[in-house]
C-alpha atoms as a PDB file:
ATOM      1  CA  MET A   1       0.000   0.000   0.000  1.00  0.00           C
ATOM      2  CA  ALA A   2       2.843   2.405   0.841  1.00  0.00           C
ATOM      3  CA  ASN A   3       4.309   1.871  -2.644  1.00  0.00           C
ATOM      4  CA  ILE A   4       1.030   2.862  -4.283  1.00  0.00           C
ATOM      5  CA  VAL A   5       0.735   5.959  -2.093  1.00  0.00           C
ATOM      6  CA  GLY A   6       4.380   6.803  -2.859  1.00  0.00           C
ATOM      7  CA  LEU A   7       3.796   6.438  -6.599  1.00  0.00           C
ATOM      8  CA  VAL A   8       0.737   8.681  -6.389  1.00  0.00           C
ATOM      9  CA  GLY A   9       2.880  11.208  -4.501  1.00  0.00           C
ATOM     10  CA  ILE A  10       5.486  11.101  -7.269  1.00  0.00           C
ATOM     11  CA  GLY A  11       2.776  11.627  -9.901  1.00  0.00           C
ATOM     12  CA  VAL A  12       1.196  14.558  -8.059  1.00  0.00           C
ATOM     13  CA  SER A  13       4.673  16.047  -7.485  1.00  0.00           C
ATOM     14  CA  GLY A  14       5.291  15.767 -11.213  1.00  0.00           C
ATOM     15  CA  VAL A  15       2.086  17.685 -11.872  1.00  0.00           C
ATOM     16  CA  ALA A  16       3.142  20.365  -9.364  1.00  0.00           C
ATOM     17  CA  LEU A  17       6.548  20.619 -11.035  1.00  0.00           C
ATOM     18  CA  LEU A  18       5.019  20.923 -14.497  1.00  0.00           C
ATOM     19  CA  PHE A  19       2.529  23.577 -13.351  1.00  0.00           C
ATOM     20  CA  ALA A  20       5.302  25.588 -11.647  1.00  0.00           C
ATOM     21  CA  ILE A  21       7.529  25.516 -14.739  1.00  0.00           C
ATOM     22  CA  VAL A  22       4.689  26.580 -17.044  1.00  0.00           C
ATOM     23  CA  ALA A  23       3.572  29.315 -14.603  1.00  0.00           C
ATOM     24  CA  LEU A  24       7.111  30.693 -14.463  1.00  0.00           C
ATOM     25  CA  ALA A  25       7.385  30.757 -18.251  1.00  0.00           C
ATOM     26  CA  SER A  26       3.871  32.084 -18.878  1.00  0.00           C
ATOM     27  CA  ASP A  27       3.480  35.539 -20.354  1.00  0.00           C
ATOM     28  CA  LYS A  28      -0.082  35.792 -19.037  1.00  0.00           C
ATOM     29  CA  TRP A  29      -0.339  36.358 -15.294  1.00  0.00           C
ATOM     30  CA  GLU A  30      -2.672  39.288 -15.801  1.00  0.00           C
ATOM     31  CA  THR A  31      -4.752  40.487 -18.755  1.00  0.00           C
ATOM     32  CA  ILE A  32      -6.028  44.032 -19.138  1.00  0.00           C
ATOM     33  CA  THR A  33      -8.694  45.046 -21.636  1.00  0.00           C
ATOM     34  CA  VAL A  34     -10.260  48.421 -22.304  1.00  0.00           C
ATOM     35  CA  LYS A  35     -13.823  48.689 -23.607  1.00  0.00           C
ATOM     36  CA  GLY A  36     -13.859  50.279 -27.031  1.00  0.00           C
ATOM     37  CA  LEU A  37     -10.231  49.423 -27.811  1.00  0.00           C
ATOM     38  CA  THR A  38      -9.099  46.355 -29.716  1.00  0.00           C
ATOM     39  CA  SER A  39      -5.871  46.221 -27.711  1.00  0.00           C
ATOM     40  CA  GLU A  40      -5.285  43.687 -24.982  1.00  0.00           C
ATOM     41  CA  PHE A  41      -2.376  43.873 -22.550  1.00  0.00           C
ATOM     42  CA  LYS A  42      -0.894  40.668 -21.142  1.00  0.00           C
ATOM     43  CA  VAL A  43       1.499  40.866 -18.228  1.00  0.00           C
ATOM     44  CA  GLY A  44       3.818  38.057 -17.158  1.00  0.00           C
ATOM     45  CA  LEU A  45       6.782  37.832 -14.834  1.00  0.00           C
ATOM     46  CA  TRP A  46       9.279  38.466 -17.617  1.00  0.00           C
ATOM     47  CA  GLU A  47       7.558  40.753 -20.119  1.00  0.00           C
ATOM     48  CA  MET A  48       4.462  42.704 -21.079  1.00  0.00           C
ATOM     49  CA  CYS A  49       2.749  41.999 -24.412  1.00  0.00           C
ATOM     50  CA  THR A  50       0.262  44.126 -26.314  1.00  0.00           C
ATOM     51  CA  THR A  51      -2.047  42.573 -28.907  1.00  0.00           C
ATOM     52  CA  ASP A  52      -3.654  44.963 -31.345  1.00  0.00           C
ATOM     53  CA  GLY A  53      -5.540  43.651 -34.373  1.00  0.00           C
ATOM     54  CA  GLY A  54      -3.694  40.341 -34.480  1.00  0.00           C
ATOM     55  CA  THR A  55      -0.237  41.881 -34.048  1.00  0.00           C
ATOM     56  CA  THR A  56       1.518  41.099 -30.778  1.00  0.00           C
ATOM     57  CA  THR A  57       4.383  43.199 -29.459  1.00  0.00           C
ATOM     58  CA  CYS A  58       6.271  42.128 -26.343  1.00  0.00           C
ATOM     59  CA  VAL A  59       8.588  44.240 -24.233  1.00  0.00           C
ATOM     60  CA  ASP A  60      10.924  43.057 -21.496  1.00  0.00           C
ATOM     61  CA  PHE A  61      10.284  44.952 -18.271  1.00  0.00           C
ATOM     62  CA  GLU A  62      13.830  46.302 -18.380  1.00  0.00           C
ATOM     63  CA  ASP A  63      12.895  48.120 -21.605  1.00  0.00           C
ATOM     64  CA  VAL A  64       9.534  49.566 -20.475  1.00  0.00           C
ATOM     65  CA  ASP A  65       9.397  53.360 -20.806  1.00  0.00           C
ATOM     66  CA  ASN A  66       7.010  53.854 -17.886  1.00  0.00           C
ATOM     67  CA  SER A  67       9.261  54.233 -14.829  1.00  0.00           C
ATOM     68  CA  ILE A  68       6.467  53.366 -12.361  1.00  0.00           C
ATOM     69  CA  VAL A  69       5.719  50.059 -14.114  1.00  0.00           C
ATOM     70  CA  LYS A  70       9.428  49.320 -14.517  1.00  0.00           C
ATOM     71  CA  GLU A  71      10.268  50.030 -10.875  1.00  0.00           C
ATOM     72  CA  LYS A  72       7.260  48.109  -9.558  1.00  0.00           C
ATOM     73  CA  HIS A  73       8.258  45.045 -11.544  1.00  0.00           C
ATOM     74  CA  LYS A  74      11.985  45.368 -10.882  1.00  0.00           C
ATOM     75  CA  THR A  75      11.544  45.363  -7.128  1.00  0.00           C
ATOM     76  CA  SER A  76       9.045  42.513  -6.829  1.00  0.00           C
ATOM     77  CA  ALA A  77       9.108  40.300  -9.926  1.00  0.00           C
ATOM     78  CA  ASP A  78      12.572  39.021  -9.103  1.00  0.00           C
ATOM     79  CA  GLY A  79      11.326  37.907  -5.686  1.00  0.00           C
ATOM     80  CA  CYS A  80       8.326  36.188  -7.256  1.00  0.00           C
ATOM     81  CA  LYS A  81      10.533  34.426  -9.811  1.00  0.00           C
ATOM     82  CA  ALA A  82      12.971  33.385  -7.065  1.00  0.00           C
ATOM     83  CA  MET A  83      10.162  31.811  -5.039  1.00  0.00           C
ATOM     84  CA  ILE A  84       9.007  29.806  -8.057  1.00  0.00           C
ATOM     85  CA  PHE A  85      12.582  28.709  -8.800  1.00  0.00           C
ATOM     86  CA  LEU A  86      12.936  27.548  -5.187  1.00  0.00           C
ATOM     87  CA  ALA A  87       9.668  25.642  -5.535  1.00  0.00           C
ATOM     88  CA  ILE A  88      10.914  23.961  -8.713  1.00  0.00           C
ATOM     89  CA  PHE A  89      14.147  22.895  -6.993  1.00  0.00           C
ATOM     90  CA  THR A  90      12.423  21.611  -3.854  1.00  0.00           C
ATOM     91  CA  THR A  91       9.792  19.716  -5.838  1.00  0.00           C
ATOM     92  CA  THR A  92      12.548  18.124  -7.897  1.00  0.00           C
ATOM     93  CA  GLY A  93      14.299  17.173  -4.642  1.00  0.00           C
ATOM     94  CA  ALA A  94      11.085  15.629  -3.349  1.00  0.00           C
ATOM     95  CA  ILE A  95      10.678  13.532  -6.484  1.00  0.00           C
ATOM     96  CA  VAL A  96      14.313  12.375  -6.303  1.00  0.00           C
ATOM     97  CA  SER A  97      13.925  11.481  -2.599  1.00  0.00           C
ATOM     98  CA  ALA A  98      10.770   9.499  -3.291  1.00  0.00           C
ATOM     99  CA  VAL A  99      12.296   7.629  -6.228  1.00  0.00           C
ATOM    100  CA  LEU A 100      15.340   6.796  -4.092  1.00  0.00           C
ATOM    101  CA  VAL A 101      13.281   5.432  -1.215  1.00  0.00           C
ATOM    102  CA  MET A 102      10.995   3.436  -3.492  1.00  0.00           C
ATOM    103  CA  PHE A 103      13.502   1.918  -5.898  1.00  0.00           C
ATOM    104  CA  VAL A 104      17.094   2.273  -4.656  1.00  0.00           C
ATOM    105  CA  MET A 105      17.349   2.767  -0.892  1.00  0.00           C
ATOM    106  CA  LYS A 106      14.272   0.873   0.266  1.00  0.00           C
ATOM    107  CA  GLU A 107      15.546   0.572   3.841  1.00  0.00           C
ATOM    108  CA  GLN A 108      15.817   4.369   4.215  1.00  0.00           C
ATOM    109  CA  GLN A 109      12.098   5.002   4.682  1.00  0.00           C
ATOM    110  CA  ILE A 110      12.823   8.337   6.373  1.00  0.00           C
ATOM    111  CA  LEU A 111      13.303   9.725   2.852  1.00  0.00           C
ATOM    112  CA  PHE A 112       9.499   9.714   2.537  1.00  0.00           C
ATOM    113  CA  PHE A 113       9.463  12.373   5.281  1.00  0.00           C
ATOM    114  CA  ALA A 114      12.176  14.284   3.421  1.00  0.00           C
ATOM    115  CA  ALA A 115      10.088  14.162   0.234  1.00  0.00           C
ATOM    116  CA  GLY A 116       6.987  15.276   2.121  1.00  0.00           C
ATOM    117  CA  GLY A 117       8.827  18.144   3.801  1.00  0.00           C
ATOM    118  CA  LEU A 118      10.343  19.300   0.515  1.00  0.00           C
ATOM    119  CA  ASN A 119       6.923  19.322  -1.127  1.00  0.00           C
ATOM    120  CA  LEU A 120       5.400  21.245   1.774  1.00  0.00           C
ATOM    121  CA  ALA A 121       8.234  23.800   1.463  1.00  0.00           C
ATOM    122  CA  SER A 122       7.614  23.959  -2.281  1.00  0.00           C
ATOM    123  CA  GLY A 123       3.950  24.728  -1.673  1.00  0.00           C
ATOM    124  CA  LEU A 124       4.955  27.490   0.734  1.00  0.00           C
ATOM    125  CA  PHE A 125       7.288  29.039  -1.863  1.00  0.00           C
ATOM    126  CA  LEU A 126       4.538  28.934  -4.490  1.00  0.00           C
ATOM    127  CA  MET A 127       2.059  30.499  -2.066  1.00  0.00           C
ATOM    128  CA  ILE A 128       4.524  33.315  -1.363  1.00  0.00           C
ATOM    129  CA  ALA A 129       4.985  33.864  -5.111  1.00  0.00           C
ATOM    130  CA  MET A 130       1.224  34.133  -5.572  1.00  0.00           C
ATOM    131  CA  ALA A 131       0.895  36.555  -2.672  1.00  0.00           C
ATOM    132  CA  LEU A 132       3.796  38.671  -3.956  1.00  0.00           C
ATOM    133  CA  TYR A 133       2.168  38.959  -7.345  1.00  0.00           C
ATOM    134  CA  VAL A 134      -1.193  40.022  -5.998  1.00  0.00           C
ATOM    135  CA  ASP A 135       0.237  42.422  -3.425  1.00  0.00           C
ATOM    136  CA  LYS A 136       3.229  43.949  -5.179  1.00  0.00           C
ATOM    137  CA  ILE A 137       3.216  43.228  -8.901  1.00  0.00           C
ATOM    138  CA  GLN A 138      -0.355  43.202 -10.181  1.00  0.00           C
ATOM    139  CA  LEU A 139      -0.245  46.289 -12.364  1.00  0.00           C
ATOM    140  CA  LEU A 140      -3.824  47.356 -12.664  1.00  0.00           C
ATOM    141  CA  ASN A 141      -6.865  46.811 -10.576  1.00  0.00           C
ATOM    142  CA  PHE A 142      -9.455  49.039 -12.221  1.00  0.00           C
ATOM    143  CA  ARG A 143     -12.609  47.888 -10.496  1.00  0.00           C
ATOM    144  CA  ASP A 144     -13.633  51.524 -10.096  1.00  0.00           C
ATOM    145  CA  LEU A 145     -12.962  52.639 -13.675  1.00  0.00           C
ATOM    146  CA  GLU A 146     -15.716  52.042 -16.174  1.00  0.00           C
ATOM    147  CA  GLY A 147     -14.690  50.131 -19.271  1.00  0.00           C
ATOM    148  CA  VAL A 148     -11.288  48.925 -18.024  1.00  0.00           C
ATOM    149  CA  PHE A 149     -11.044  45.301 -16.976  1.00  0.00           C
ATOM    150  CA  SER A 150      -8.077  43.674 -15.288  1.00  0.00           C
ATOM    151  CA  TYR A 151      -8.124  40.014 -14.390  1.00  0.00           C
ATOM    152  CA  LEU A 152      -5.608  37.415 -13.311  1.00  0.00           C
ATOM    153  CA  ASP A 153      -4.769  34.861 -15.978  1.00  0.00           C
ATOM    154  CA  ASN A 154      -3.374  31.354 -16.518  1.00  0.00           C
ATOM    155  CA  GLY A 155       0.139  31.832 -15.066  1.00  0.00           C
ATOM    156  CA  PHE A 156      -1.338  32.950 -11.774  1.00  0.00           C
ATOM    157  CA  TYR A 157      -3.797  30.054 -11.640  1.00  0.00           C
ATOM    158  CA  LEU A 158      -1.121  27.529 -12.606  1.00  0.00           C
ATOM    159  CA  ASP A 159       0.920  28.801  -9.664  1.00  0.00           C
ATOM    160  CA  ILE A 160      -2.029  28.160  -7.340  1.00  0.00           C
ATOM    161  CA  GLY A 161      -2.513  24.683  -8.861  1.00  0.00           C
ATOM    162  CA  ALA A 162       1.173  23.888  -8.360  1.00  0.00           C
ATOM    163  CA  TRP A 163       1.006  25.120  -4.769  1.00  0.00           C
ATOM    164  CA  LEU A 164      -1.954  22.891  -3.931  1.00  0.00           C
ATOM    165  CA  ALA A 165      -0.534  19.886  -5.823  1.00  0.00           C
ATOM    166  CA  ALA A 166       2.763  20.227  -3.939  1.00  0.00           C
ATOM    167  CA  TRP A 167       0.960  20.171  -0.594  1.00  0.00           C
ATOM    168  CA  ILE A 168      -1.172  17.206  -1.637  1.00  0.00           C
ATOM    169  CA  ALA A 169       1.923  15.314  -2.808  1.00  0.00           C
ATOM    170  CA  GLY A 170       3.629  16.119   0.500  1.00  0.00           C
ATOM    171  CA  GLY A 171       0.664  14.580   2.276  1.00  0.00           C
ATOM    172  CA  PHE A 172       0.915  11.446   0.138  1.00  0.00           C
ATOM    173  CA  PHE A 173       4.620  11.069   0.964  1.00  0.00           C
ATOM    174  CA  ILE A 174       4.032  11.491   4.693  1.00  0.00           C
ATOM    175  CA  ALA A 175       1.164   8.994   4.494  1.00  0.00           C
ATOM    176  CA  ALA A 176       3.466   6.541   2.679  1.00  0.00           C
ATOM    177  CA  LYS A 177       5.993   6.841   5.507  1.00  0.00           C
ATOM    178  CA  CYS A 178       3.281   6.320   8.117  1.00  0.00           C
ATOM    179  CA  LEU A 179       2.026   3.245   6.250  1.00  0.00           C
ATOM    180  CA  THR A 180       5.519   1.740   6.165  1.00  0.00           C
ATOM    181  CA  LYS A 181       5.937   2.493   9.883  1.00  0.00           C
ATOM    182  CA  ASN A 182       2.681   0.688  10.633  1.00  0.00           C
ATOM    183  CA  LYS A 183       3.773  -2.215   8.446  1.00  0.00           C
ATOM    184  CA  VAL A 184       7.053  -2.534  10.380  1.00  0.00           C
ATOM    185  CA  ASN A 185       5.292  -2.297  13.756  1.00  0.00           C
ATOM    186  CA  SER A 186       2.717  -4.957  12.863  1.00  0.00           C
ATOM    187  CA  SER A 187       5.342  -7.498  11.718  1.00  0.00           C
END
């Protein structure tokens, strides 16, 4: 039973890792539309893209002319990216620990706890990245302006999915360790 739970933990960790990588690379964490204009602005962690009539133009935040936008992103986007990178590394460590305990070092069952702890830390890093984006980076929140709509987009939601998947996988790994402990005690 512990092997099945461990394999499920590895699978869910893989999903968390995939979601975190795609969220980090996504150019759509926020989309801004203005009623009456055909333009749409998409904001990611790395660049801002404008789509107007089928033509998309992307600008790295280092090259943005608006000093307020540039400064806001410079101070906080690096922290958000760093948190996601940490989550990617810790999730990878959790997967490696779980594979080791299941297939190579079967007697070192404590590695299930290591995998669970790494996934829980990964979820924390992803939660911090999400909170940083909403609090410090989200460029526009025009709920009071008529005709301007700003909403969070797929990169943001992938980050939340990765965060939750990492915590769920951590729970599976801890459960796998508890199941092996019970198996040893009952023998």
